[in-house]
C-alpha atoms as a PDB file:
ATOM      1  CA  UNK A   1      14.442 -10.471 -13.309  1.00  0.00           C
ATOM      2  CA  UNK A   2      11.275 -12.109 -12.055  1.00  0.00           C
ATOM      3  CA  UNK A   3      10.279 -11.511  -8.446  1.00  0.00           C
ATOM      4  CA  UNK A   4       9.060 -14.490  -6.464  1.00  0.00           C
ATOM      5  CA  UNK A   5       5.426 -13.678  -5.664  1.00  0.00           C
ATOM      6  CA  UNK A   6       4.715 -12.743  -2.058  1.00  0.00           C
ATOM      7  CA  UNK A   7       2.050 -15.164  -0.891  1.00  0.00           C
ATOM      8  CA  UNK A   8       2.172 -14.283   2.820  1.00  0.00           C
ATOM      9  CA  UNK A   9      -1.032 -13.486   4.646  1.00  0.00           C
ATOM     10  CA  UNK A  10      -0.168 -10.016   5.940  1.00  0.00           C
ATOM     11  CA  UNK A  11      -3.272  -9.785   8.170  1.00  0.00           C
ATOM     12  CA  UNK A  12      -0.976 -10.617  11.110  1.00  0.00           C
ATOM     13  CA  UNK A  13      -0.004  -6.914  11.118  1.00  0.00           C
ATOM     14  CA  UNK A  14      -3.354  -6.260  12.776  1.00  0.00           C
ATOM     15  CA  UNK A  15      -2.251  -8.328  15.772  1.00  0.00           C
ATOM     16  CA  UNK A  16       1.362  -7.309  16.335  1.00  0.00           C
ATOM     17  CA  UNK A  17       3.955  -4.672  15.473  1.00  0.00           C
ATOM     18  CA  UNK A  18       5.753  -5.219  12.157  1.00  0.00           C
ATOM     19  CA  UNK A  19       9.334  -6.176  13.069  1.00  0.00           C
ATOM     20  CA  UNK A  20      10.668  -4.728   9.822  1.00  0.00           C
ATOM     21  CA  UNK A  21       9.053  -1.332   9.295  1.00  0.00           C
ATOM     22  CA  UNK A  22       7.883  -0.815  12.888  1.00  0.00           C
ATOM     23  CA  UNK A  23       4.222  -0.112  12.062  1.00  0.00           C
ATOM     24  CA  UNK A  24       1.937  -0.942  14.984  1.00  0.00           C
ATOM     25  CA  UNK A  25      -1.702  -1.246  13.960  1.00  0.00           C
ATOM     26  CA  UNK A  26      -2.850  -1.412  17.584  1.00  0.00           C
ATOM     27  CA  UNK A  27      -1.554   2.078  18.327  1.00  0.00           C
ATOM     28  CA  UNK A  28      -2.387   3.636  14.953  1.00  0.00           C
ATOM     29  CA  UNK A  29      -5.162   6.239  15.182  1.00  0.00           C
ATOM     30  CA  UNK A  30      -7.545   5.409  12.327  1.00  0.00           C
ATOM     31  CA  UNK A  31      -8.750   9.009  12.325  1.00  0.00           C
ATOM     32  CA  UNK A  32      -5.258   9.831  11.016  1.00  0.00           C
ATOM     33  CA  UNK A  33      -5.536   7.484   8.023  1.00  0.00           C
ATOM     34  CA  UNK A  34      -5.974  10.310   5.520  1.00  0.00           C
ATOM     35  CA  UNK A  35      -3.007  12.294   6.804  1.00  0.00           C
ATOM     36  CA  UNK A  36      -0.852   9.140   6.924  1.00  0.00           C
ATOM     37  CA  UNK A  37      -1.663   8.396   3.272  1.00  0.00           C
ATOM     38  CA  UNK A  38      -0.848  11.961   2.227  1.00  0.00           C
ATOM     39  CA  UNK A  39       2.471  11.928   4.102  1.00  0.00           C
ATOM     40  CA  UNK A  40       3.372   8.580   2.570  1.00  0.00           C
ATOM     41  CA  UNK A  41       2.613   9.849  -0.954  1.00  0.00           C
ATOM     42  CA  UNK A  42       5.032  12.732  -0.335  1.00  0.00           C
ATOM     43  CA  UNK A  43       7.729  10.201   0.623  1.00  0.00           C
ATOM     44  CA  UNK A  44       7.147   8.330  -2.640  1.00  0.00           C
ATOM     45  CA  UNK A  45       7.400  11.549  -4.648  1.00  0.00           C
ATOM     46  CA  UNK A  46      10.825  12.189  -3.105  1.00  0.00           C
ATOM     47  CA  UNK A  47      11.946   8.586  -3.672  1.00  0.00           C
ATOM     48  CA  UNK A  48      10.878   8.719  -7.323  1.00  0.00           C
ATOM     49  CA  UNK A  49      13.194  11.688  -8.026  1.00  0.00           C
ATOM     50  CA  UNK A  50      16.204   9.364  -7.685  1.00  0.00           C
ATOM     51  CA  UNK A  51      17.744   8.795 -11.131  1.00  0.00           C
ATOM     52  CA  UNK A  52      18.030   5.109 -10.219  1.00  0.00           C
ATOM     53  CA  UNK A  53      14.381   4.742  -9.185  1.00  0.00           C
ATOM     54  CA  UNK A  54      13.723   2.186 -11.915  1.00  0.00           C
ATOM     55  CA  UNK A  55      16.729   0.010 -11.030  1.00  0.00           C
ATOM     56  CA  UNK A  56      16.304  -3.115  -8.947  1.00  0.00           C
ATOM     57  CA  UNK A  57      18.993  -3.239  -6.285  1.00  0.00           C
ATOM     58  CA  UNK A  58      18.277  -6.855  -5.322  1.00  0.00           C
ATOM     59  CA  UNK A  59      16.904  -9.809  -7.237  1.00  0.00           C
ATOM     60  CA  UNK A  60      14.147 -10.388  -4.678  1.00  0.00           C
ATOM     61  CA  UNK A  61      12.830  -6.807  -4.520  1.00  0.00           C
ATOM     62  CA  UNK A  62      11.025  -4.520  -6.889  1.00  0.00           C
ATOM     63  CA  UNK A  63      12.569  -1.180  -7.780  1.00  0.00           C
ATOM     64  CA  UNK A  64      11.381   2.060  -6.184  1.00  0.00           C
ATOM     65  CA  UNK A  65       9.344   2.677  -9.339  1.00  0.00           C
ATOM     66  CA  UNK A  66       7.699  -0.748  -9.252  1.00  0.00           C
ATOM     67  CA  UNK A  67       6.813  -0.434  -5.568  1.00  0.00           C
ATOM     68  CA  UNK A  68       5.404   3.051  -6.220  1.00  0.00           C
ATOM     69  CA  UNK A  69       3.232   1.679  -9.048  1.00  0.00           C
ATOM     70  CA  UNK A  70       1.994  -1.005  -6.660  1.00  0.00           C
ATOM     71  CA  UNK A  71       1.158   1.566  -3.972  1.00  0.00           C
ATOM     72  CA  UNK A  72      -0.686   3.676  -6.555  1.00  0.00           C
ATOM     73  CA  UNK A  73      -2.714   0.718  -7.790  1.00  0.00           C
ATOM     74  CA  UNK A  74      -3.380  -0.615  -4.291  1.00  0.00           C
ATOM     75  CA  UNK A  75      -4.728   2.823  -3.335  1.00  0.00           C
ATOM     76  CA  UNK A  76      -7.090   2.728  -6.295  1.00  0.00           C
ATOM     77  CA  UNK A  77      -8.299  -0.776  -5.454  1.00  0.00           C
ATOM     78  CA  UNK A  78      -8.739   0.033  -1.777  1.00  0.00           C
ATOM     79  CA  UNK A  79     -10.778   3.108  -2.673  1.00  0.00           C
ATOM     80  CA  UNK A  80     -13.177   0.864  -4.594  1.00  0.00           C
ATOM     81  CA  UNK A  81     -13.256  -1.611  -1.713  1.00  0.00           C
ATOM     82  CA  UNK A  82     -13.855   1.139   0.839  1.00  0.00           C
ATOM     83  CA  UNK A  83     -16.666   2.549  -1.292  1.00  0.00           C
ATOM     84  CA  UNK A  84     -18.259  -0.897  -1.346  1.00  0.00           C
ATOM     85  CA  UNK A  85     -17.897  -1.285   2.421  1.00  0.00           C
ATOM     86  CA  UNK A  86     -19.639   2.049   2.879  1.00  0.00           C
ATOM     87  CA  UNK A  87     -22.481   1.355   0.444  1.00  0.00           C
ATOM     88  CA  UNK A  88     -23.043  -2.424   0.592  1.00  0.00           C
ATOM     89  CA  UNK A  89     -23.598  -4.833   3.447  1.00  0.00           C
ATOM     90  CA  UNK A  90     -20.636  -7.211   3.802  1.00  0.00           C
ATOM     91  CA  UNK A  91     -19.235  -7.032   0.253  1.00  0.00           C
ATOM     92  CA  UNK A  92     -16.844  -9.721  -0.951  1.00  0.00           C
ATOM     93  CA  UNK A  93     -13.846  -8.637  -3.008  1.00  0.00           C
ATOM     94  CA  UNK A  94     -12.254 -10.486  -5.875  1.00  0.00           C
ATOM     95  CA  UNK A  95      -8.617 -11.367  -5.346  1.00  0.00           C
ATOM     96  CA  UNK A  96      -6.045  -8.993  -6.844  1.00  0.00           C
ATOM     97  CA  UNK A  97      -2.818 -10.509  -8.139  1.00  0.00           C
ATOM     98  CA  UNK A  98      -0.328  -7.691  -7.595  1.00  0.00           C
ATOM     99  CA  UNK A  99       2.500  -9.582  -9.263  1.00  0.00           C
ATOM    100  CA  UNK A 100       0.471 -10.289 -12.386  1.00  0.00           C
ATOM    101  CA  UNK A 101      -0.529  -6.604 -12.512  1.00  0.00           C
ATOM    102  CA  UNK A 102       3.115  -5.515 -12.235  1.00  0.00           C
ATOM    103  CA  UNK A 103       4.015  -7.580 -15.292  1.00  0.00           C
ATOM    104  CA  UNK A 104       0.904  -6.832 -17.349  1.00  0.00           C
ATOM    105  CA  UNK A 105       1.095  -3.087 -16.707  1.00  0.00           C
ATOM    106  CA  UNK A 106       4.869  -2.978 -17.188  1.00  0.00           C
ATOM    107  CA  UNK A 107       5.569  -1.235 -13.904  1.00  0.00           C
ATOM    108  CA  UNK A 108       9.283  -1.210 -14.690  1.00  0.00           C
ATOM    109  CA  UNK A 109       8.727   0.898 -17.826  1.00  0.00           C
ATOM    110  CA  UNK A 110       6.477   3.613 -16.409  1.00  0.00           C
ATOM    111  CA  UNK A 111       7.533   7.237 -15.975  1.00  0.00           C
ATOM    112  CA  UNK A 112       8.605   8.012 -12.385  1.00  0.00           C
ATOM    113  CA  UNK A 113       7.251  11.577 -12.650  1.00  0.00           C
ATOM    114  CA  UNK A 114       3.884  10.377 -13.910  1.00  0.00           C
ATOM    115  CA  UNK A 115       3.731   7.632 -11.288  1.00  0.00           C
ATOM    116  CA  UNK A 116       4.501  10.178  -8.544  1.00  0.00           C
ATOM    117  CA  UNK A 117       1.581  12.326  -9.727  1.00  0.00           C
ATOM    118  CA  UNK A 118      -0.773   9.359 -10.085  1.00  0.00           C
ATOM    119  CA  UNK A 119       0.218   7.922  -6.708  1.00  0.00           C
ATOM    120  CA  UNK A 120      -0.368  11.295  -5.031  1.00  0.00           C
ATOM    121  CA  UNK A 121      -3.779  11.558  -6.711  1.00  0.00           C
ATOM    122  CA  UNK A 122      -4.801   8.019  -5.762  1.00  0.00           C
ATOM    123  CA  UNK A 123      -3.609   8.528  -2.178  1.00  0.00           C
ATOM    124  CA  UNK A 124      -5.498  11.824  -1.957  1.00  0.00           C
ATOM    125  CA  UNK A 125      -8.712  10.251  -3.279  1.00  0.00           C
ATOM    126  CA  UNK A 126      -8.452   7.451  -0.718  1.00  0.00           C
ATOM    127  CA  UNK A 127      -7.480   9.890   2.051  1.00  0.00           C
ATOM    128  CA  UNK A 128     -10.539  12.052   1.346  1.00  0.00           C
ATOM    129  CA  UNK A 129     -12.765   8.986   1.507  1.00  0.00           C
ATOM    130  CA  UNK A 130     -11.242   7.826   4.819  1.00  0.00           C
ATOM    131  CA  UNK A 131     -11.517  11.375   6.198  1.00  0.00           C
ATOM    132  CA  UNK A 132     -15.267  11.245   5.508  1.00  0.00           C
ATOM    133  CA  UNK A 133     -15.887   7.972   7.377  1.00  0.00           C
ATOM    134  CA  UNK A 134     -18.328   8.696  10.195  1.00  0.00           C
ATOM    135  CA  UNK A 135     -17.921   7.270  13.693  1.00  0.00           C
ATOM    136  CA  UNK A 136     -20.799   4.846  13.137  1.00  0.00           C
ATOM    137  CA  UNK A 137     -19.262   3.516   9.879  1.00  0.00           C
ATOM    138  CA  UNK A 138     -15.894   2.245  11.195  1.00  0.00           C
ATOM    139  CA  UNK A 139     -17.507  -1.073  12.149  1.00  0.00           C
ATOM    140  CA  UNK A 140     -18.959  -1.790   8.677  1.00  0.00           C
ATOM    141  CA  UNK A 141     -17.584  -5.016   7.188  1.00  0.00           C
ATOM    142  CA  UNK A 142     -16.113  -6.429   4.003  1.00  0.00           C
ATOM    143  CA  UNK A 143     -14.520  -9.738   3.043  1.00  0.00           C
ATOM    144  CA  UNK A 144     -11.430 -10.512   1.029  1.00  0.00           C
ATOM    145  CA  UNK A 145     -11.602 -13.284  -1.580  1.00  0.00           C
ATOM    146  CA  UNK A 146      -9.932 -15.734   0.810  1.00  0.00           C
ATOM    147  CA  UNK A 147     -12.604 -15.030   3.419  1.00  0.00           C
ATOM    148  CA  UNK A 148     -10.578 -12.691   5.649  1.00  0.00           C
ATOM    149  CA  UNK A 149     -13.029 -10.342   7.374  1.00  0.00           C
ATOM    150  CA  UNK A 150     -12.382  -6.645   7.885  1.00  0.00           C
ATOM    151  CA  UNK A 151     -14.166  -3.752   9.464  1.00  0.00           C
ATOM    152  CA  UNK A 152     -13.414  -0.340   7.995  1.00  0.00           C
ATOM    153  CA  UNK A 153     -11.305   0.218  11.117  1.00  0.00           C
ATOM    154  CA  UNK A 154      -9.154  -2.896  10.588  1.00  0.00           C
ATOM    155  CA  UNK A 155      -9.182  -2.308   6.822  1.00  0.00           C
ATOM    156  CA  UNK A 156      -7.640   1.161   7.373  1.00  0.00           C
ATOM    157  CA  UNK A 157      -4.977  -0.199   9.757  1.00  0.00           C
ATOM    158  CA  UNK A 158      -4.183  -3.081   7.395  1.00  0.00           C
ATOM    159  CA  UNK A 159      -3.945  -0.840   4.342  1.00  0.00           C
ATOM    160  CA  UNK A 160      -1.863   1.939   5.900  1.00  0.00           C
ATOM    161  CA  UNK A 161       0.813  -0.619   6.734  1.00  0.00           C
ATOM    162  CA  UNK A 162       1.268  -1.495   3.045  1.00  0.00           C
ATOM    163  CA  UNK A 163       2.634   1.816   1.678  1.00  0.00           C
ATOM    164  CA  UNK A 164       4.582   2.456   4.887  1.00  0.00           C
ATOM    165  CA  UNK A 165       6.169  -0.982   4.672  1.00  0.00           C
ATOM    166  CA  UNK A 166       7.047  -0.493   1.025  1.00  0.00           C
ATOM    167  CA  UNK A 167       8.879   2.759   1.798  1.00  0.00           C
ATOM    168  CA  UNK A 168      10.826   0.688   4.322  1.00  0.00           C
ATOM    169  CA  UNK A 169      11.413  -1.988   1.642  1.00  0.00           C
ATOM    170  CA  UNK A 170      13.067   0.437  -0.758  1.00  0.00           C
ATOM    171  CA  UNK A 171      14.958   2.535   1.786  1.00  0.00           C
ATOM    172  CA  UNK A 172      16.233  -0.420   3.833  1.00  0.00           C
ATOM    173  CA  UNK A 173      17.501  -2.201   0.722  1.00  0.00           C
ATOM    174  CA  UNK A 174      19.325   0.925  -0.454  1.00  0.00           C
ATOM    175  CA  UNK A 175      20.912   1.449   2.966  1.00  0.00           C
ATOM    176  CA  UNK A 176      22.112  -2.167   3.027  1.00  0.00           C
ATOM    177  CA  UNK A 177      23.569  -1.821  -0.478  1.00  0.00           C
ATOM    178  CA  UNK A 178      25.427   1.371   0.473  1.00  0.00           C
ATOM    179  CA  UNK A 179      26.763  -0.228   3.641  1.00  0.00           C
ATOM    180  CA  UNK A 180      27.783  -3.319   1.686  1.00  0.00           C
ATOM    181  CA  UNK A 181      25.856  -5.799   3.787  1.00  0.00           C
END
């Protein structure tokens, strides 16, 4: 099954509460970014123990395993982007095609145990880096390939939503399937 690529501009989560997962960037304490990433990685580890973690439950959604691979890889990419924001003035990032990566790296065939370990490691590396951001660095900037501007503060809020939302994606879909709706 091929997933229709998500081409939404998710930067709106910086302006209003996500109606699906409930994340509210405006009330999120960026100083808690590291702990939020660690807690989220623990949720993924638990989700990946499900024997059906590699099964897609809906045609329009990745499996738990595929979402976990995405979260792992996004954490790695955001670590590189954060490093650039901290060491360069106004870096511009190349676009990352998450759907192309999922196919090329065969997310659906990876080992859930290995992905859980790699995701935890990538989340920890990014958490450590966010934990080390000094008060005077939260306003440093970076630019996405489409021109969207971020400060490290908004970058943290924007990124934290992603793994939280994807936990919601996989748990909400499973609940709906169990309830038969």
